[in-house]
Amino acid sequence: QTRLLPAAAGQMAFEATRCSHSTTN
């Protein structure tokens, strides 16, 4: 919960930062 989950969530969020169909990114 303190190390693995936040790192994984950050990777997934970053993956969509250049996403053409995302409304939040």
mmCIF file of all heavy atoms, coordinates in Angstrom:
data_MODEL
# 
_entry.id   MODEL 
# 
loop_
_atom_site.group_PDB 
_atom_site.id 
_atom_site.type_symbol 
_atom_site.label_atom_id 
_atom_site.label_alt_id 
_atom_site.label_comp_id 
_atom_site.label_asym_id 
_atom_site.label_entity_id 
_atom_site.label_seq_id 
_atom_site.pdbx_PDB_ins_code 
_atom_site.Cartn_x 
_atom_site.Cartn_y 
_atom_site.Cartn_z 
_atom_site.occupancy 
_atom_site.B_iso_or_equiv 
_atom_site.pdbx_formal_charge 
_atom_site.auth_seq_id 
_atom_site.auth_comp_id 
_atom_site.auth_asym_id 
_atom_site.auth_atom_id 
_atom_site.pdbx_PDB_model_num 
ATOM 1   N N   . GLN A 1 1  ? 0.795   -1.217 0.000   1.00 0.00 ? 1  GLN A N   1 
ATOM 2   C CA  . GLN A 1 1  ? 0.000   0.000  0.000   1.00 0.00 ? 1  GLN A CA  1 
ATOM 3   C C   . GLN A 1 1  ? 0.832   1.274  0.000   1.00 0.00 ? 1  GLN A C   1 
ATOM 4   O O   . GLN A 1 1  ? 0.430   2.262  -0.601  1.00 0.00 ? 1  GLN A O   1 
ATOM 5   C CB  . GLN A 1 1  ? -0.939  -0.004 1.203   1.00 0.00 ? 1  GLN A CB  1 
ATOM 6   C CG  . GLN A 1 1  ? -1.917  1.135  1.168   1.00 0.00 ? 1  GLN A CG  1 
ATOM 7   C CD  . GLN A 1 1  ? -3.099  0.886  2.045   1.00 0.00 ? 1  GLN A CD  1 
ATOM 8   O OE1 . GLN A 1 1  ? -3.606  -0.217 2.104   1.00 0.00 ? 1  GLN A OE1 1 
ATOM 9   N NE2 . GLN A 1 1  ? -3.543  1.905  2.727   1.00 0.00 ? 1  GLN A NE2 1 
ATOM 10  N N   . THR A 1 2  ? 1.985   1.272  0.641   1.00 0.00 ? 2  THR A N   1 
ATOM 11  C CA  . THR A 1 2  ? 2.748   2.518  0.730   1.00 0.00 ? 2  THR A CA  1 
ATOM 12  C C   . THR A 1 2  ? 3.778   2.694  -0.371  1.00 0.00 ? 2  THR A C   1 
ATOM 13  O O   . THR A 1 2  ? 4.159   3.819  -0.679  1.00 0.00 ? 2  THR A O   1 
ATOM 14  C CB  . THR A 1 2  ? 3.464   2.626  2.093   1.00 0.00 ? 2  THR A CB  1 
ATOM 15  O OG1 . THR A 1 2  ? 4.346   1.518  2.251   1.00 0.00 ? 2  THR A OG1 1 
ATOM 16  C CG2 . THR A 1 2  ? 2.464   2.675  3.233   1.00 0.00 ? 2  THR A CG2 1 
ATOM 17  N N   . ARG A 1 3  ? 4.226   1.599  -0.966  1.00 0.00 ? 3  ARG A N   1 
ATOM 18  C CA  . ARG A 1 3  ? 5.270   1.716  -1.985  1.00 0.00 ? 3  ARG A CA  1 
ATOM 19  C C   . ARG A 1 3  ? 4.816   1.224  -3.346  1.00 0.00 ? 3  ARG A C   1 
ATOM 20  O O   . ARG A 1 3  ? 4.903   1.939  -4.335  1.00 0.00 ? 3  ARG A O   1 
ATOM 21  C CB  . ARG A 1 3  ? 6.520   0.948  -1.548  1.00 0.00 ? 3  ARG A CB  1 
ATOM 22  C CG  . ARG A 1 3  ? 7.727   1.220  -2.419  1.00 0.00 ? 3  ARG A CG  1 
ATOM 23  C CD  . ARG A 1 3  ? 8.984   0.595  -1.858  1.00 0.00 ? 3  ARG A CD  1 
ATOM 24  N NE  . ARG A 1 3  ? 9.007   -0.840 -1.932  1.00 0.00 ? 3  ARG A NE  1 
ATOM 25  C CZ  . ARG A 1 3  ? 9.395   -1.541 -3.004  1.00 0.00 ? 3  ARG A CZ  1 
ATOM 26  N NH1 . ARG A 1 3  ? 9.798   -0.924 -4.075  1.00 0.00 ? 3  ARG A NH1 1 
ATOM 27  N NH2 . ARG A 1 3  ? 9.402   -2.853 -2.977  1.00 0.00 ? 3  ARG A NH2 1 
ATOM 28  N N   . LEU A 1 4  ? 4.322   0.005  -3.434  1.00 0.00 ? 4  LEU A N   1 
ATOM 29  C CA  . LEU A 1 4  ? 3.988   -0.585 -4.729  1.00 0.00 ? 4  LEU A CA  1 
ATOM 30  C C   . LEU A 1 4  ? 2.756   0.053  -5.372  1.00 0.00 ? 4  LEU A C   1 
ATOM 31  O O   . LEU A 1 4  ? 2.774   0.397  -6.553  1.00 0.00 ? 4  LEU A O   1 
ATOM 32  C CB  . LEU A 1 4  ? 3.783   -2.094 -4.583  1.00 0.00 ? 4  LEU A CB  1 
ATOM 33  C CG  . LEU A 1 4  ? 4.988   -2.883 -4.086  1.00 0.00 ? 4  LEU A CG  1 
ATOM 34  C CD1 . LEU A 1 4  ? 4.635   -4.342 -3.890  1.00 0.00 ? 4  LEU A CD1 1 
ATOM 35  C CD2 . LEU A 1 4  ? 6.162   -2.719 -5.026  1.00 0.00 ? 4  LEU A CD2 1 
ATOM 36  N N   . LEU A 1 5  ? 1.678   0.197  -4.607  1.00 0.00 ? 5  LEU A N   1 
ATOM 37  C CA  . LEU A 1 5  ? 0.442   0.748  -5.157  1.00 0.00 ? 5  LEU A CA  1 
ATOM 38  C C   . LEU A 1 5  ? 0.612   2.177  -5.681  1.00 0.00 ? 5  LEU A C   1 
ATOM 39  O O   . LEU A 1 5  ? 0.235   2.455  -6.829  1.00 0.00 ? 5  LEU A O   1 
ATOM 40  C CB  . LEU A 1 5  ? -0.680  0.676  -4.116  1.00 0.00 ? 5  LEU A CB  1 
ATOM 41  C CG  . LEU A 1 5  ? -2.018  1.276  -4.529  1.00 0.00 ? 5  LEU A CG  1 
ATOM 42  C CD1 . LEU A 1 5  ? -2.593  0.540  -5.728  1.00 0.00 ? 5  LEU A CD1 1 
ATOM 43  C CD2 . LEU A 1 5  ? -2.984  1.233  -3.360  1.00 0.00 ? 5  LEU A CD2 1 
ATOM 44  N N   . PRO A 1 6  ? 1.195   3.106  -4.907  1.00 0.00 ? 6  PRO A N   1 
ATOM 45  C CA  . PRO A 1 6  ? 1.363   4.460  -5.454  1.00 0.00 ? 6  PRO A CA  1 
ATOM 46  C C   . PRO A 1 6  ? 2.249   4.506  -6.702  1.00 0.00 ? 6  PRO A C   1 
ATOM 47  O O   . PRO A 1 6  ? 1.973   5.259  -7.637  1.00 0.00 ? 6  PRO A O   1 
ATOM 48  C CB  . PRO A 1 6  ? 2.001   5.242  -4.298  1.00 0.00 ? 6  PRO A CB  1 
ATOM 49  C CG  . PRO A 1 6  ? 1.615   4.492  -3.072  1.00 0.00 ? 6  PRO A CG  1 
ATOM 50  C CD  . PRO A 1 6  ? 1.575   3.048  -3.489  1.00 0.00 ? 6  PRO A CD  1 
ATOM 51  N N   . ALA A 1 7  ? 3.296   3.696  -6.727  1.00 0.00 ? 7  ALA A N   1 
ATOM 52  C CA  . ALA A 1 7  ? 4.173   3.665  -7.907  1.00 0.00 ? 7  ALA A CA  1 
ATOM 53  C C   . ALA A 1 7  ? 3.421   3.140  -9.124  1.00 0.00 ? 7  ALA A C   1 
ATOM 54  O O   . ALA A 1 7  ? 3.520   3.700  -10.223 1.00 0.00 ? 7  ALA A O   1 
ATOM 55  C CB  . ALA A 1 7  ? 5.410   2.824  -7.626  1.00 0.00 ? 7  ALA A CB  1 
ATOM 56  N N   . ALA A 1 8  ? 2.653   2.077  -8.935  1.00 0.00 ? 8  ALA A N   1 
ATOM 57  C CA  . ALA A 1 8  ? 1.888   1.497  -10.047 1.00 0.00 ? 8  ALA A CA  1 
ATOM 58  C C   . ALA A 1 8  ? 0.823   2.472  -10.537 1.00 0.00 ? 8  ALA A C   1 
ATOM 59  O O   . ALA A 1 8  ? 0.633   2.642  -11.747 1.00 0.00 ? 8  ALA A O   1 
ATOM 60  C CB  . ALA A 1 8  ? 1.253   0.178  -9.614  1.00 0.00 ? 8  ALA A CB  1 
ATOM 61  N N   . ALA A 1 9  ? 0.131   3.117  -9.610  1.00 0.00 ? 9  ALA A N   1 
ATOM 62  C CA  . ALA A 1 9  ? -0.897  4.092  -9.990  1.00 0.00 ? 9  ALA A CA  1 
ATOM 63  C C   . ALA A 1 9  ? -0.275  5.253  -10.768 1.00 0.00 ? 9  ALA A C   1 
ATOM 64  O O   . ALA A 1 9  ? -0.853  5.729  -11.748 1.00 0.00 ? 9  ALA A O   1 
ATOM 65  C CB  . ALA A 1 9  ? -1.620  4.602  -8.744  1.00 0.00 ? 9  ALA A CB  1 
ATOM 66  N N   . GLY A 1 10 ? 0.898   5.688  -10.349 1.00 0.00 ? 10 GLY A N   1 
ATOM 67  C CA  . GLY A 1 10 ? 1.590   6.761  -11.057 1.00 0.00 ? 10 GLY A CA  1 
ATOM 68  C C   . GLY A 1 10 ? 1.963   6.366  -12.473 1.00 0.00 ? 10 GLY A C   1 
ATOM 69  O O   . GLY A 1 10 ? 1.827   7.162  -13.411 1.00 0.00 ? 10 GLY A O   1 
ATOM 70  N N   . GLN A 1 11 ? 2.424   5.133  -12.656 1.00 0.00 ? 11 GLN A N   1 
ATOM 71  C CA  . GLN A 1 11 ? 2.758   4.659  -14.003 1.00 0.00 ? 11 GLN A CA  1 
ATOM 72  C C   . GLN A 1 11 ? 1.533   4.637  -14.897 1.00 0.00 ? 11 GLN A C   1 
ATOM 73  O O   . GLN A 1 11 ? 1.595   5.034  -16.059 1.00 0.00 ? 11 GLN A O   1 
ATOM 74  C CB  . GLN A 1 11 ? 3.355   3.251  -13.943 1.00 0.00 ? 11 GLN A CB  1 
ATOM 75  C CG  . GLN A 1 11 ? 4.769   3.194  -13.463 1.00 0.00 ? 11 GLN A CG  1 
ATOM 76  C CD  . GLN A 1 11 ? 5.288   1.765  -13.461 1.00 0.00 ? 11 GLN A CD  1 
ATOM 77  O OE1 . GLN A 1 11 ? 4.532   0.804  -13.331 1.00 0.00 ? 11 GLN A OE1 1 
ATOM 78  N NE2 . GLN A 1 11 ? 6.599   1.634  -13.594 1.00 0.00 ? 11 GLN A NE2 1 
ATOM 79  N N   . MET A 1 12 ? 0.409   4.136  -14.352 1.00 0.00 ? 12 MET A N   1 
ATOM 80  C CA  . MET A 1 12 ? -0.803  4.056  -15.168 1.00 0.00 ? 12 MET A CA  1 
ATOM 81  C C   . MET A 1 12 ? -1.319  5.448  -15.530 1.00 0.00 ? 12 MET A C   1 
ATOM 82  O O   . MET A 1 12 ? -1.754  5.670  -16.661 1.00 0.00 ? 12 MET A O   1 
ATOM 83  C CB  . MET A 1 12 ? -1.870  3.229  -14.453 1.00 0.00 ? 12 MET A CB  1 
ATOM 84  C CG  . MET A 1 12 ? -1.510  1.759  -14.351 1.00 0.00 ? 12 MET A CG  1 
ATOM 85  S SD  . MET A 1 12 ? -2.826  0.728  -13.679 1.00 0.00 ? 12 MET A SD  1 
ATOM 86  C CE  . MET A 1 12 ? -2.925  1.297  -11.987 1.00 0.00 ? 12 MET A CE  1 
ATOM 87  N N   . ALA A 1 13 ? -1.266  6.380  -14.581 1.00 0.00 ? 13 ALA A N   1 
ATOM 88  C CA  . ALA A 1 13 ? -1.702  7.750  -14.868 1.00 0.00 ? 13 ALA A CA  1 
ATOM 89  C C   . ALA A 1 13 ? -0.802  8.387  -15.923 1.00 0.00 ? 13 ALA A C   1 
ATOM 90  O O   . ALA A 1 13 ? -1.279  9.044  -16.857 1.00 0.00 ? 13 ALA A O   1 
ATOM 91  C CB  . ALA A 1 13 ? -1.704  8.579  -13.587 1.00 0.00 ? 13 ALA A CB  1 
ATOM 92  N N   . PHE A 1 14 ? 0.498   8.170  -15.798 1.00 0.00 ? 14 PHE A N   1 
ATOM 93  C CA  . PHE A 1 14 ? 1.443   8.731  -16.769 1.00 0.00 ? 14 PHE A CA  1 
ATOM 94  C C   . PHE A 1 14 ? 1.221   8.139  -18.157 1.00 0.00 ? 14 PHE A C   1 
ATOM 95  O O   . PHE A 1 14 ? 1.344   8.841  -19.167 1.00 0.00 ? 14 PHE A O   1 
ATOM 96  C CB  . PHE A 1 14 ? 2.876   8.487  -16.308 1.00 0.00 ? 14 PHE A CB  1 
ATOM 97  C CG  . PHE A 1 14 ? 3.899   9.104  -17.226 1.00 0.00 ? 14 PHE A CG  1 
ATOM 98  C CD1 . PHE A 1 14 ? 4.094   10.479 -17.232 1.00 0.00 ? 14 PHE A CD1 1 
ATOM 99  C CD2 . PHE A 1 14 ? 4.642   8.320  -18.087 1.00 0.00 ? 14 PHE A CD2 1 
ATOM 100 C CE1 . PHE A 1 14 ? 5.022   11.061 -18.086 1.00 0.00 ? 14 PHE A CE1 1 
ATOM 101 C CE2 . PHE A 1 14 ? 5.570   8.890  -18.946 1.00 0.00 ? 14 PHE A CE2 1 
ATOM 102 C CZ  . PHE A 1 14 ? 5.760   10.262 -18.948 1.00 0.00 ? 14 PHE A CZ  1 
ATOM 103 N N   . GLU A 1 15 ? 0.869   6.868  -18.212 1.00 0.00 ? 15 GLU A N   1 
ATOM 104 C CA  . GLU A 1 15 ? 0.621   6.204  -19.496 1.00 0.00 ? 15 GLU A CA  1 
ATOM 105 C C   . GLU A 1 15 ? -0.440  6.948  -20.300 1.00 0.00 ? 15 GLU A C   1 
ATOM 106 O O   . GLU A 1 15 ? -0.377  6.996  -21.522 1.00 0.00 ? 15 GLU A O   1 
ATOM 107 C CB  . GLU A 1 15 ? 0.182   4.751  -19.251 1.00 0.00 ? 15 GLU A CB  1 
ATOM 108 C CG  . GLU A 1 15 ? -0.270  3.999  -20.475 1.00 0.00 ? 15 GLU A CG  1 
ATOM 109 C CD  . GLU A 1 15 ? 0.840   3.705  -21.478 1.00 0.00 ? 15 GLU A CD  1 
ATOM 110 O OE1 . GLU A 1 15 ? 2.026   3.933  -21.189 1.00 0.00 ? 15 GLU A OE1 1 
ATOM 111 O OE2 . GLU A 1 15 ? 0.505   3.230  -22.582 1.00 0.00 ? 15 GLU A OE2 1 
ATOM 112 N N   . ALA A 1 16 ? -1.413  7.547  -19.620 1.00 0.00 ? 16 ALA A N   1 
ATOM 113 C CA  . ALA A 1 16 ? -2.510  8.207  -20.323 1.00 0.00 ? 16 ALA A CA  1 
ATOM 114 C C   . ALA A 1 16 ? -2.298  9.717  -20.481 1.00 0.00 ? 16 ALA A C   1 
ATOM 115 O O   . ALA A 1 16 ? -3.166  10.396 -21.022 1.00 0.00 ? 16 ALA A O   1 
ATOM 116 C CB  . ALA A 1 16 ? -3.821  7.949  -19.587 1.00 0.00 ? 16 ALA A CB  1 
ATOM 117 N N   . THR A 1 17 ? -1.155  10.243 -20.063 1.00 0.00 ? 17 THR A N   1 
ATOM 118 C CA  . THR A 1 17 ? -0.959  11.692 -20.173 1.00 0.00 ? 17 THR A CA  1 
ATOM 119 C C   . THR A 1 17 ? -0.902  12.154 -21.624 1.00 0.00 ? 17 THR A C   1 
ATOM 120 O O   . THR A 1 17 ? -1.143  13.316 -21.894 1.00 0.00 ? 17 THR A O   1 
ATOM 121 C CB  . THR A 1 17 ? 0.319   12.167 -19.452 1.00 0.00 ? 17 THR A CB  1 
ATOM 122 O OG1 . THR A 1 17 ? 1.451   11.500 -19.994 1.00 0.00 ? 17 THR A OG1 1 
ATOM 123 C CG2 . THR A 1 17 ? 0.224   11.954 -17.964 1.00 0.00 ? 17 THR A CG2 1 
ATOM 124 N N   . ARG A 1 18 ? -0.595  11.282 -22.518 1.00 0.00 ? 18 ARG A N   1 
ATOM 125 C CA  . ARG A 1 18 ? -0.538  11.639 -23.939 1.00 0.00 ? 18 ARG A CA  1 
ATOM 126 C C   . ARG A 1 18 ? -1.652  10.957 -24.721 1.00 0.00 ? 18 ARG A C   1 
ATOM 127 O O   . ARG A 1 18 ? -1.586  10.846 -25.929 1.00 0.00 ? 18 ARG A O   1 
ATOM 128 C CB  . ARG A 1 18 ? 0.817   11.255 -24.521 1.00 0.00 ? 18 ARG A CB  1 
ATOM 129 C CG  . ARG A 1 18 ? 1.945   12.013 -23.871 1.00 0.00 ? 18 ARG A CG  1 
ATOM 130 C CD  . ARG A 1 18 ? 3.267   11.533 -24.386 1.00 0.00 ? 18 ARG A CD  1 
ATOM 131 N NE  . ARG A 1 18 ? 4.334   12.251 -23.704 1.00 0.00 ? 18 ARG A NE  1 
ATOM 132 C CZ  . ARG A 1 18 ? 5.383   12.735 -24.315 1.00 0.00 ? 18 ARG A CZ  1 
ATOM 133 N NH1 . ARG A 1 18 ? 5.540   12.578 -25.601 1.00 0.00 ? 18 ARG A NH1 1 
ATOM 134 N NH2 . ARG A 1 18 ? 6.296   13.370 -23.626 1.00 0.00 ? 18 ARG A NH2 1 
ATOM 135 N N   . CYS A 1 19 ? -2.645  10.521 -24.026 1.00 0.00 ? 19 CYS A N   1 
ATOM 136 C CA  . CYS A 1 19 ? -3.739  9.766  -24.624 1.00 0.00 ? 19 CYS A CA  1 
ATOM 137 C C   . CYS A 1 19 ? -4.683  10.689 -25.387 1.00 0.00 ? 19 CYS A C   1 
ATOM 138 O O   . CYS A 1 19 ? -5.131  11.696 -24.847 1.00 0.00 ? 19 CYS A O   1 
ATOM 139 C CB  . CYS A 1 19 ? -4.479  9.030  -23.513 1.00 0.00 ? 19 CYS A CB  1 
ATOM 140 S SG  . CYS A 1 19 ? -5.874  8.095  -24.076 1.00 0.00 ? 19 CYS A SG  1 
ATOM 141 N N   . SER A 1 20 ? -5.007  10.335 -26.609 1.00 0.00 ? 20 SER A N   1 
ATOM 142 C CA  . SER A 1 20 ? -5.834  11.197 -27.446 1.00 0.00 ? 20 SER A CA  1 
ATOM 143 C C   . SER A 1 20 ? -7.312  11.170 -27.074 1.00 0.00 ? 20 SER A C   1 
ATOM 144 O O   . SER A 1 20 ? -8.047  12.085 -27.417 1.00 0.00 ? 20 SER A O   1 
ATOM 145 C CB  . SER A 1 20 ? -5.666  10.811 -28.916 1.00 0.00 ? 20 SER A CB  1 
ATOM 146 O OG  . SER A 1 20 ? -6.091  9.478  -29.115 1.00 0.00 ? 20 SER A OG  1 
ATOM 147 N N   . HIS A 1 21 ? -7.772  10.156 -26.369 1.00 0.00 ? 21 HIS A N   1 
ATOM 148 C CA  . HIS A 1 21 ? -9.200  10.097 -26.066 1.00 0.00 ? 21 HIS A CA  1 
ATOM 149 C C   . HIS A 1 21 ? -9.526  10.279 -24.590 1.00 0.00 ? 21 HIS A C   1 
ATOM 150 O O   . HIS A 1 21 ? -10.664 10.143 -24.185 1.00 0.00 ? 21 HIS A O   1 
ATOM 151 C CB  . HIS A 1 21 ? -9.836  8.809  -26.576 1.00 0.00 ? 21 HIS A CB  1 
ATOM 152 C CG  . HIS A 1 21 ? -9.132  7.570  -26.152 1.00 0.00 ? 21 HIS A CG  1 
ATOM 153 N ND1 . HIS A 1 21 ? -9.079  7.123  -24.863 1.00 0.00 ? 21 HIS A ND1 1 
ATOM 154 C CD2 . HIS A 1 21 ? -8.427  6.680  -26.871 1.00 0.00 ? 21 HIS A CD2 1 
ATOM 155 C CE1 . HIS A 1 21 ? -8.388  6.013  -24.806 1.00 0.00 ? 21 HIS A CE1 1 
ATOM 156 N NE2 . HIS A 1 21 ? -7.975  5.718  -26.000 1.00 0.00 ? 21 HIS A NE2 1 
ATOM 157 N N   . SER A 1 22 ? -8.556  10.611 -23.791 1.00 0.00 ? 22 SER A N   1 
ATOM 158 C CA  . SER A 1 22 ? -8.806  10.850 -22.376 1.00 0.00 ? 22 SER A CA  1 
ATOM 159 C C   . SER A 1 22 ? -9.309  12.268 -22.171 1.00 0.00 ? 22 SER A C   1 
ATOM 160 O O   . SER A 1 22 ? -8.753  13.223 -22.697 1.00 0.00 ? 22 SER A O   1 
ATOM 161 C CB  . SER A 1 22 ? -7.514  10.649 -21.575 1.00 0.00 ? 22 SER A CB  1 
ATOM 162 O OG  . SER A 1 22 ? -7.724  11.001 -20.233 1.00 0.00 ? 22 SER A OG  1 
ATOM 163 N N   . THR A 1 23 ? -10.381 12.418 -21.384 1.00 0.00 ? 23 THR A N   1 
ATOM 164 C CA  . THR A 1 23 ? -10.922 13.750 -21.101 1.00 0.00 ? 23 THR A CA  1 
ATOM 165 C C   . THR A 1 23 ? -10.197 14.410 -19.934 1.00 0.00 ? 23 THR A C   1 
ATOM 166 O O   . THR A 1 23 ? -10.173 15.620 -19.824 1.00 0.00 ? 23 THR A O   1 
ATOM 167 C CB  . THR A 1 23 ? -12.423 13.676 -20.771 1.00 0.00 ? 23 THR A CB  1 
ATOM 168 O OG1 . THR A 1 23 ? -12.597 12.800 -19.655 1.00 0.00 ? 23 THR A OG1 1 
ATOM 169 C CG2 . THR A 1 23 ? -13.208 13.177 -21.962 1.00 0.00 ? 23 THR A CG2 1 
ATOM 170 N N   . THR A 1 24 ? -9.598  13.602 -19.052 1.00 0.00 ? 24 THR A N   1 
ATOM 171 C CA  . THR A 1 24 ? -8.910  14.176 -17.896 1.00 0.00 ? 24 THR A CA  1 
ATOM 172 C C   . THR A 1 24 ? -7.454  14.495 -18.178 1.00 0.00 ? 24 THR A C   1 
ATOM 173 O O   . THR A 1 24 ? -6.848  15.282 -17.479 1.00 0.00 ? 24 THR A O   1 
ATOM 174 C CB  . THR A 1 24 ? -8.976  13.220 -16.689 1.00 0.00 ? 24 THR A CB  1 
ATOM 175 O OG1 . THR A 1 24 ? -8.373  11.978 -17.053 1.00 0.00 ? 24 THR A OG1 1 
ATOM 176 C CG2 . THR A 1 24 ? -10.402 13.011 -16.257 1.00 0.00 ? 24 THR A CG2 1 
ATOM 177 N N   . ASN A 1 25 ? -6.884  13.880 -19.173 1.00 0.00 ? 25 ASN A N   1 
ATOM 178 C CA  . ASN A 1 25 ? -5.491  14.105 -19.525 1.00 0.00 ? 25 ASN A CA  1 
ATOM 179 C C   . ASN A 1 25 ? -5.400  14.446 -21.010 1.00 0.00 ? 25 ASN A C   1 
ATOM 180 O O   . ASN A 1 25 ? -5.192  13.571 -21.833 1.00 0.00 ? 25 ASN A O   1 
ATOM 181 C CB  . ASN A 1 25 ? -4.643  12.860 -19.240 1.00 0.00 ? 25 ASN A CB  1 
ATOM 182 C CG  . ASN A 1 25 ? -4.602  12.540 -17.780 1.00 0.00 ? 25 ASN A CG  1 
ATOM 183 O OD1 . ASN A 1 25 ? -4.344  13.413 -16.962 1.00 0.00 ? 25 ASN A OD1 1 
ATOM 184 N ND2 . ASN A 1 25 ? -4.867  11.295 -17.436 1.00 0.00 ? 25 ASN A ND2 1 
# 
